Amino acid sequence: MKFCLAAGEYAAKAAGISNQQTSSVLALLIEEECTVPFITRYRKEKTGGLDEDDIRNIHKNYEEYLERE
């Protein structure tokens, strides 16, 4: 499943993280169905070294946007 680009942009802005990092995180979470710990440990090169809190914050903001729509 593809992630919603508008929700991704909202999540990036709300989290204060670049669109590129946010898109990478959302692709891993939603399209590849990876877990947060897996992404943090094994996909640092794709996320720019974001920690678990950053990744969870991106996902939370993404979900908030989708709930509003």
PDB file of N, CA and C in Angstrom:
ATOM      1  N   MET A   1       0.849  -1.180   0.000  1.00  0.00           N
ATOM      2  CA  MET A   1       0.000   0.000   0.000  1.00  0.00           C
ATOM      3  C   MET A   1       0.893   1.241   0.000  1.00  0.00           C
ATOM      4  N   LYS A   2       0.554   2.218  -0.820  1.00  0.00           N
ATOM      5  CA  LYS A   2       1.290   3.474  -0.886  1.00  0.00           C
ATOM      6  C   LYS A   2       0.815   4.408   0.219  1.00  0.00           C
ATOM      7  N   PHE A   3       1.709   5.254   0.695  1.00  0.00           N
ATOM      8  CA  PHE A   3       1.301   6.221   1.709  1.00  0.00           C
ATOM      9  C   PHE A   3       0.828   7.506   1.041  1.00  0.00           C
ATOM     10  N   CYS A   4       0.012   8.260   1.760  1.00  0.00           N
ATOM     11  CA  CYS A   4      -0.563   9.510   1.284  1.00  0.00           C
ATOM     12  C   CYS A   4       0.496  10.622   1.342  1.00  0.00           C
ATOM     13  N   LEU A   5       0.810  11.220   0.202  1.00  0.00           N
ATOM     14  CA  LEU A   5       1.846  12.249   0.159  1.00  0.00           C
ATOM     15  C   LEU A   5       1.494  13.482   0.983  1.00  0.00           C
ATOM     16  N   ALA A   6       0.240  13.903   0.940  1.00  0.00           N
ATOM     17  CA  ALA A   6      -0.175  15.080   1.716  1.00  0.00           C
ATOM     18  C   ALA A   6      -0.004  14.819   3.208  1.00  0.00           C
ATOM     19  N   ALA A   7      -0.363  13.624   3.641  1.00  0.00           N
ATOM     20  CA  ALA A   7      -0.196  13.265   5.049  1.00  0.00           C
ATOM     21  C   ALA A   7       1.283  13.197   5.407  1.00  0.00           C
ATOM     22  N   GLY A   8       2.096  12.737   4.470  1.00  0.00           N
ATOM     23  CA  GLY A   8       3.536  12.688   4.692  1.00  0.00           C
ATOM     24  C   GLY A   8       4.139  14.072   4.851  1.00  0.00           C
ATOM     25  N   GLU A   9       3.696  15.006   4.030  1.00  0.00           N
ATOM     26  CA  GLU A   9       4.177  16.386   4.132  1.00  0.00           C
ATOM     27  C   GLU A   9       3.754  17.007   5.456  1.00  0.00           C
ATOM     28  N   TYR A  10       2.521  16.730   5.867  1.00  0.00           N
ATOM     29  CA  TYR A  10       2.053  17.220   7.163  1.00  0.00           C
ATOM     30  C   TYR A  10       2.902  16.639   8.293  1.00  0.00           C
ATOM     31  N   ALA A  11       3.165  15.337   8.243  1.00  0.00           N
ATOM     32  CA  ALA A  11       3.948  14.670   9.281  1.00  0.00           C
ATOM     33  C   ALA A  11       5.358  15.249   9.356  1.00  0.00           C
ATOM     34  N   ALA A  12       5.952  15.546   8.203  1.00  0.00           N
ATOM     35  CA  ALA A  12       7.298  16.119   8.170  1.00  0.00           C
ATOM     36  C   ALA A  12       7.318  17.490   8.832  1.00  0.00           C
ATOM     37  N   LYS A  13       6.348  18.301   8.462  1.00  0.00           N
ATOM     38  CA  LYS A  13       6.289  19.655   9.021  1.00  0.00           C
ATOM     39  C   LYS A  13       6.019  19.614  10.523  1.00  0.00           C
ATOM     40  N   ALA A  14       5.079  18.780  10.953  1.00  0.00           N
ATOM     41  CA  ALA A  14       4.722  18.692  12.365  1.00  0.00           C
ATOM     42  C   ALA A  14       5.876  18.147  13.212  1.00  0.00           C
ATOM     43  N   ALA A  15       6.650  17.234  12.637  1.00  0.00           N
ATOM     44  CA  ALA A  15       7.757  16.623  13.377  1.00  0.00           C
ATOM     45  C   ALA A  15       9.046  17.437  13.256  1.00  0.00           C
ATOM     46  N   GLY A  16       9.083  18.384  12.318  1.00  0.00           N
ATOM     47  CA  GLY A  16      10.281  19.177  12.114  1.00  0.00           C
ATOM     48  C   GLY A  16      11.411  18.371  11.490  1.00  0.00           C
ATOM     49  N   ILE A  17      11.037  17.432  10.631  1.00  0.00           N
ATOM     50  CA  ILE A  17      11.990  16.545   9.970  1.00  0.00           C
ATOM     51  C   ILE A  17      11.820  16.708   8.462  1.00  0.00           C
ATOM     52  N   SER A  18      12.887  16.544   7.724  1.00  0.00           N
ATOM     53  CA  SER A  18      12.836  16.784   6.276  1.00  0.00           C
ATOM     54  C   SER A  18      11.832  15.864   5.582  1.00  0.00           C
ATOM     55  N   ASN A  19      11.304  16.349   4.460  1.00  0.00           N
ATOM     56  CA  ASN A  19      10.360  15.550   3.672  1.00  0.00           C
ATOM     57  C   ASN A  19      11.001  14.248   3.192  1.00  0.00           C
ATOM     58  N   GLN A  20      12.275  14.306   2.823  1.00  0.00           N
ATOM     59  CA  GLN A  20      12.960  13.113   2.329  1.00  0.00           C
ATOM     60  C   GLN A  20      13.049  12.045   3.423  1.00  0.00           C
ATOM     61  N   GLN A  21      13.453  12.438   4.635  1.00  0.00           N
ATOM     62  CA  GLN A  21      13.537  11.477   5.734  1.00  0.00           C
ATOM     63  C   GLN A  21      12.155  10.928   6.073  1.00  0.00           C
ATOM     64  N   THR A  22      11.168  11.798   6.100  1.00  0.00           N
ATOM     65  CA  THR A  22       9.813  11.381   6.427  1.00  0.00           C
ATOM     66  C   THR A  22       9.277  10.414   5.380  1.00  0.00           C
ATOM     67  N   SER A  23       9.494  10.707   4.123  1.00  0.00           N
ATOM     68  CA  SER A  23       9.054   9.807   3.055  1.00  0.00           C
ATOM     69  C   SER A  23       9.710   8.440   3.170  1.00  0.00           C
ATOM     70  N   SER A  24      10.990   8.428   3.496  1.00  0.00           N
ATOM     71  CA  SER A  24      11.696   7.156   3.669  1.00  0.00           C
ATOM     72  C   SER A  24      11.116   6.354   4.821  1.00  0.00           C
ATOM     73  N   VAL A  25      10.856   7.027   5.933  1.00  0.00           N
ATOM     74  CA  VAL A  25      10.277   6.351   7.101  1.00  0.00           C
ATOM     75  C   VAL A  25       8.899   5.790   6.773  1.00  0.00           C
ATOM     76  N   LEU A  26       8.060   6.597   6.146  1.00  0.00           N
ATOM     77  CA  LEU A  26       6.702   6.143   5.836  1.00  0.00           C
ATOM     78  C   LEU A  26       6.702   5.009   4.820  1.00  0.00           C
ATOM     79  N   ALA A  27       7.614   5.054   3.870  1.00  0.00           N
ATOM     80  CA  ALA A  27       7.711   3.948   2.912  1.00  0.00           C
ATOM     81  C   ALA A  27       8.075   2.659   3.633  1.00  0.00           C
ATOM     82  N   LEU A  28       8.999   2.744   4.569  1.00  0.00           N
ATOM     83  CA  LEU A  28       9.389   1.546   5.327  1.00  0.00           C
ATOM     84  C   LEU A  28       8.242   1.058   6.215  1.00  0.00           C
ATOM     85  N   LEU A  29       7.579   1.980   6.902  1.00  0.00           N
ATOM     86  CA  LEU A  29       6.490   1.599   7.815  1.00  0.00           C
ATOM     87  C   LEU A  29       5.273   1.062   7.077  1.00  0.00           C
ATOM     88  N   ILE A  30       4.862   1.747   6.031  1.00  0.00           N
ATOM     89  CA  ILE A  30       3.588   1.444   5.389  1.00  0.00           C
ATOM     90  C   ILE A  30       3.736   0.504   4.197  1.00  0.00           C
ATOM     91  N   GLU A  31       4.657   0.819   3.319  1.00  0.00           N
ATOM     92  CA  GLU A  31       4.792   0.008   2.111  1.00  0.00           C
ATOM     93  C   GLU A  31       5.529  -1.302   2.358  1.00  0.00           C
ATOM     94  N   GLU A  32       6.569  -1.244   3.196  1.00  0.00           N
ATOM     95  CA  GLU A  32       7.355  -2.446   3.452  1.00  0.00           C
ATOM     96  C   GLU A  32       6.977  -3.137   4.755  1.00  0.00           C
ATOM     97  N   GLU A  33       6.081  -2.508   5.531  1.00  0.00           N
ATOM     98  CA  GLU A  33       5.570  -3.052   6.790  1.00  0.00           C
ATOM     99  C   GLU A  33       6.672  -3.404   7.792  1.00  0.00           C
ATOM    100  N   CYS A  34       7.675  -2.538   7.873  1.00  0.00           N
ATOM    101  CA  CYS A  34       8.761  -2.717   8.838  1.00  0.00           C
ATOM    102  C   CYS A  34       8.332  -2.154  10.197  1.00  0.00           C
ATOM    103  N   THR A  35       8.911  -2.685  11.251  1.00  0.00           N
ATOM    104  CA  THR A  35       8.631  -2.178  12.595  1.00  0.00           C
ATOM    105  C   THR A  35       9.581  -1.029  12.925  1.00  0.00           C
ATOM    106  N   VAL A  36       9.204  -0.228  13.913  1.00  0.00           N
ATOM    107  CA  VAL A  36      10.042   0.898  14.319  1.00  0.00           C
ATOM    108  C   VAL A  36      11.416   0.419  14.795  1.00  0.00           C
ATOM    109  N   PRO A  37      11.501  -0.579  15.681  1.00  0.00           N
ATOM    110  CA  PRO A  37      12.840  -1.030  16.102  1.00  0.00           C
ATOM    111  C   PRO A  37      13.698  -1.529  14.934  1.00  0.00           C
ATOM    112  N   PHE A  38      13.090  -2.225  13.987  1.00  0.00           N
ATOM    113  CA  PHE A  38      13.831  -2.712  12.816  1.00  0.00           C
ATOM    114  C   PHE A  38      14.382  -1.544  12.015  1.00  0.00           C
ATOM    115  N   ILE A  39      13.550  -0.543  11.770  1.00  0.00           N
ATOM    116  CA  ILE A  39      13.979   0.628  11.004  1.00  0.00           C
ATOM    117  C   ILE A  39      15.126   1.334  11.718  1.00  0.00           C
ATOM    118  N   THR A  40      14.981   1.513  13.031  1.00  0.00           N
ATOM    119  CA  THR A  40      16.001   2.212  13.813  1.00  0.00           C
ATOM    120  C   THR A  40      17.342   1.490  13.759  1.00  0.00           C
ATOM    121  N   ARG A  41      17.303   0.182  13.851  1.00  0.00           N
ATOM    122  CA  ARG A  41      18.551  -0.593  13.908  1.00  0.00           C
ATOM    123  C   ARG A  41      19.173  -0.873  12.546  1.00  0.00           C
ATOM    124  N   TYR A  42      18.327  -1.201  11.568  1.00  0.00           N
ATOM    125  CA  TYR A  42      18.860  -1.728  10.317  1.00  0.00           C
ATOM    126  C   TYR A  42      18.644  -0.858   9.088  1.00  0.00           C
ATOM    127  N   ARG A  43      17.951   0.243   9.219  1.00  0.00           N
ATOM    128  CA  ARG A  43      17.696   1.110   8.061  1.00  0.00           C
ATOM    129  C   ARG A  43      18.120   2.552   8.318  1.00  0.00           C
ATOM    130  N   LYS A  44      19.141   2.736   9.145  1.00  0.00           N
ATOM    131  CA  LYS A  44      19.611   4.094   9.459  1.00  0.00           C
ATOM    132  C   LYS A  44      20.025   4.861   8.212  1.00  0.00           C
ATOM    133  N   GLU A  45      20.593   4.149   7.232  1.00  0.00           N
ATOM    134  CA  GLU A  45      21.043   4.825   6.018  1.00  0.00           C
ATOM    135  C   GLU A  45      19.868   5.403   5.233  1.00  0.00           C
ATOM    136  N   LYS A  46      18.697   4.801   5.350  1.00  0.00           N
ATOM    137  CA  LYS A  46      17.511   5.307   4.631  1.00  0.00           C
ATOM    138  C   LYS A  46      16.824   6.446   5.379  1.00  0.00           C
ATOM    139  N   THR A  47      16.972   6.476   6.715  1.00  0.00           N
ATOM    140  CA  THR A  47      16.277   7.484   7.507  1.00  0.00           C
ATOM    141  C   THR A  47      17.163   8.640   7.933  1.00  0.00           C
ATOM    142  N   GLY A  48      18.429   8.557   7.611  1.00  0.00           N
ATOM    143  CA  GLY A  48      19.342   9.607   8.047  1.00  0.00           C
ATOM    144  C   GLY A  48      19.656   9.516   9.524  1.00  0.00           C
ATOM    145  N   GLY A  49      19.525   8.324  10.097  1.00  0.00           N
ATOM    146  CA  GLY A  49      19.879   8.110  11.494  1.00  0.00           C
ATOM    147  C   GLY A  49      18.823   8.545  12.502  1.00  0.00           C
ATOM    148  N   LEU A  50      17.576   8.627  12.089  1.00  0.00           N
ATOM    149  CA  LEU A  50      16.512   9.012  13.028  1.00  0.00           C
ATOM    150  C   LEU A  50      16.378   7.961  14.128  1.00  0.00           C
ATOM    151  N   ASP A  51      16.045   8.425  15.341  1.00  0.00           N
ATOM    152  CA  ASP A  51      15.857   7.483  16.440  1.00  0.00           C
ATOM    153  C   ASP A  51      14.394   7.039  16.528  1.00  0.00           C
ATOM    154  N   GLU A  52      14.122   6.125  17.457  1.00  0.00           N
ATOM    155  CA  GLU A  52      12.759   5.569  17.584  1.00  0.00           C
ATOM    156  C   GLU A  52      11.730   6.643  17.873  1.00  0.00           C
ATOM    157  N   ASP A  53      12.074   7.613  18.703  1.00  0.00           N
ATOM    158  CA  ASP A  53      11.118   8.677  19.038  1.00  0.00           C
ATOM    159  C   ASP A  53      10.742   9.488  17.798  1.00  0.00           C
ATOM    160  N   ASP A  54      11.735   9.811  16.970  1.00  0.00           N
ATOM    161  CA  ASP A  54      11.464  10.559  15.735  1.00  0.00           C
ATOM    162  C   ASP A  54      10.548   9.764  14.807  1.00  0.00           C
ATOM    163  N   ILE A  55      10.839   8.473  14.662  1.00  0.00           N
ATOM    164  CA  ILE A  55      10.055   7.627  13.766  1.00  0.00           C
ATOM    165  C   ILE A  55       8.622   7.476  14.274  1.00  0.00           C
ATOM    166  N   ARG A  56       8.475   7.275  15.577  1.00  0.00           N
ATOM    167  CA  ARG A  56       7.121   7.168  16.151  1.00  0.00           C
ATOM    168  C   ARG A  56       6.366   8.487  15.999  1.00  0.00           C
ATOM    169  N   ASN A  57       7.064   9.604  16.145  1.00  0.00           N
ATOM    170  CA  ASN A  57       6.438  10.917  16.002  1.00  0.00           C
ATOM    171  C   ASN A  57       5.955  11.131  14.562  1.00  0.00           C
ATOM    172  N   ILE A  58       6.763  10.733  13.593  1.00  0.00           N
ATOM    173  CA  ILE A  58       6.347  10.828  12.190  1.00  0.00           C
ATOM    174  C   ILE A  58       5.089  10.001  11.969  1.00  0.00           C
ATOM    175  N   HIS A  59       5.085   8.775  12.463  1.00  0.00           N
ATOM    176  CA  HIS A  59       3.939   7.884  12.267  1.00  0.00           C
ATOM    177  C   HIS A  59       2.699   8.434  12.957  1.00  0.00           C
ATOM    178  N   LYS A  60       2.859   8.969  14.170  1.00  0.00           N
ATOM    179  CA  LYS A  60       1.736   9.550  14.911  1.00  0.00           C
ATOM    180  C   LYS A  60       1.138  10.731  14.150  1.00  0.00           C
ATOM    181  N   ASN A  61       1.994  11.622  13.650  1.00  0.00           N
ATOM    182  CA  ASN A  61       1.506  12.788  12.897  1.00  0.00           C
ATOM    183  C   ASN A  61       0.838  12.371  11.594  1.00  0.00           C
ATOM    184  N   TYR A  62       1.379  11.355  10.948  1.00  0.00           N
ATOM    185  CA  TYR A  62       0.785  10.818   9.721  1.00  0.00           C
ATOM    186  C   TYR A  62      -0.620  10.290   9.998  1.00  0.00           C
ATOM    187  N   GLU A  63      -0.762   9.497  11.048  1.00  0.00           N
ATOM    188  CA  GLU A  63      -2.063   8.932  11.417  1.00  0.00           C
ATOM    189  C   GLU A  63      -3.051  10.028  11.813  1.00  0.00           C
ATOM    190  N   GLU A  64      -2.581  11.043  12.518  1.00  0.00           N
ATOM    191  CA  GLU A  64      -3.455  12.173  12.893  1.00  0.00           C
ATOM    192  C   GLU A  64      -4.031  12.839  11.655  1.00  0.00           C
ATOM    193  N   TYR A  65      -3.189  13.056  10.668  1.00  0.00           N
ATOM    194  CA  TYR A  65      -3.651  13.691   9.426  1.00  0.00           C
ATOM    195  C   TYR A  65      -4.725  12.852   8.761  1.00  0.00           C
ATOM    196  N   LEU A  66      -4.482  11.555   8.679  1.00  0.00           N
ATOM    197  CA  LEU A  66      -5.455  10.662   8.031  1.00  0.00           C
ATOM    198  C   LEU A  66      -6.791  10.635   8.777  1.00  0.00           C
ATOM    199  N   GLU A  67      -6.755  10.713  10.093  1.00  0.00           N
ATOM    200  CA  GLU A  67      -7.989  10.725  10.880  1.00  0.00           C
ATOM    201  C   GLU A  67      -8.804  11.985  10.616  1.00  0.00           C
ATOM    202  N   ARG A  68      -8.118  13.105  10.375  1.00  0.00           N
ATOM    203  CA  ARG A  68      -8.805  14.367  10.116  1.00  0.00           C
ATOM    204  C   ARG A  68      -9.489  14.392   8.760  1.00  0.00           C
ATOM    205  N   GLU A  69      -8.905  13.692   7.801  1.00  0.00           N
ATOM    206  CA  GLU A  69      -9.438  13.720   6.433  1.00  0.00           C
ATOM    207  C   GLU A  69     -10.658  12.884   6.285  1.00  0.00           C
TER     208      GLU A  69
END
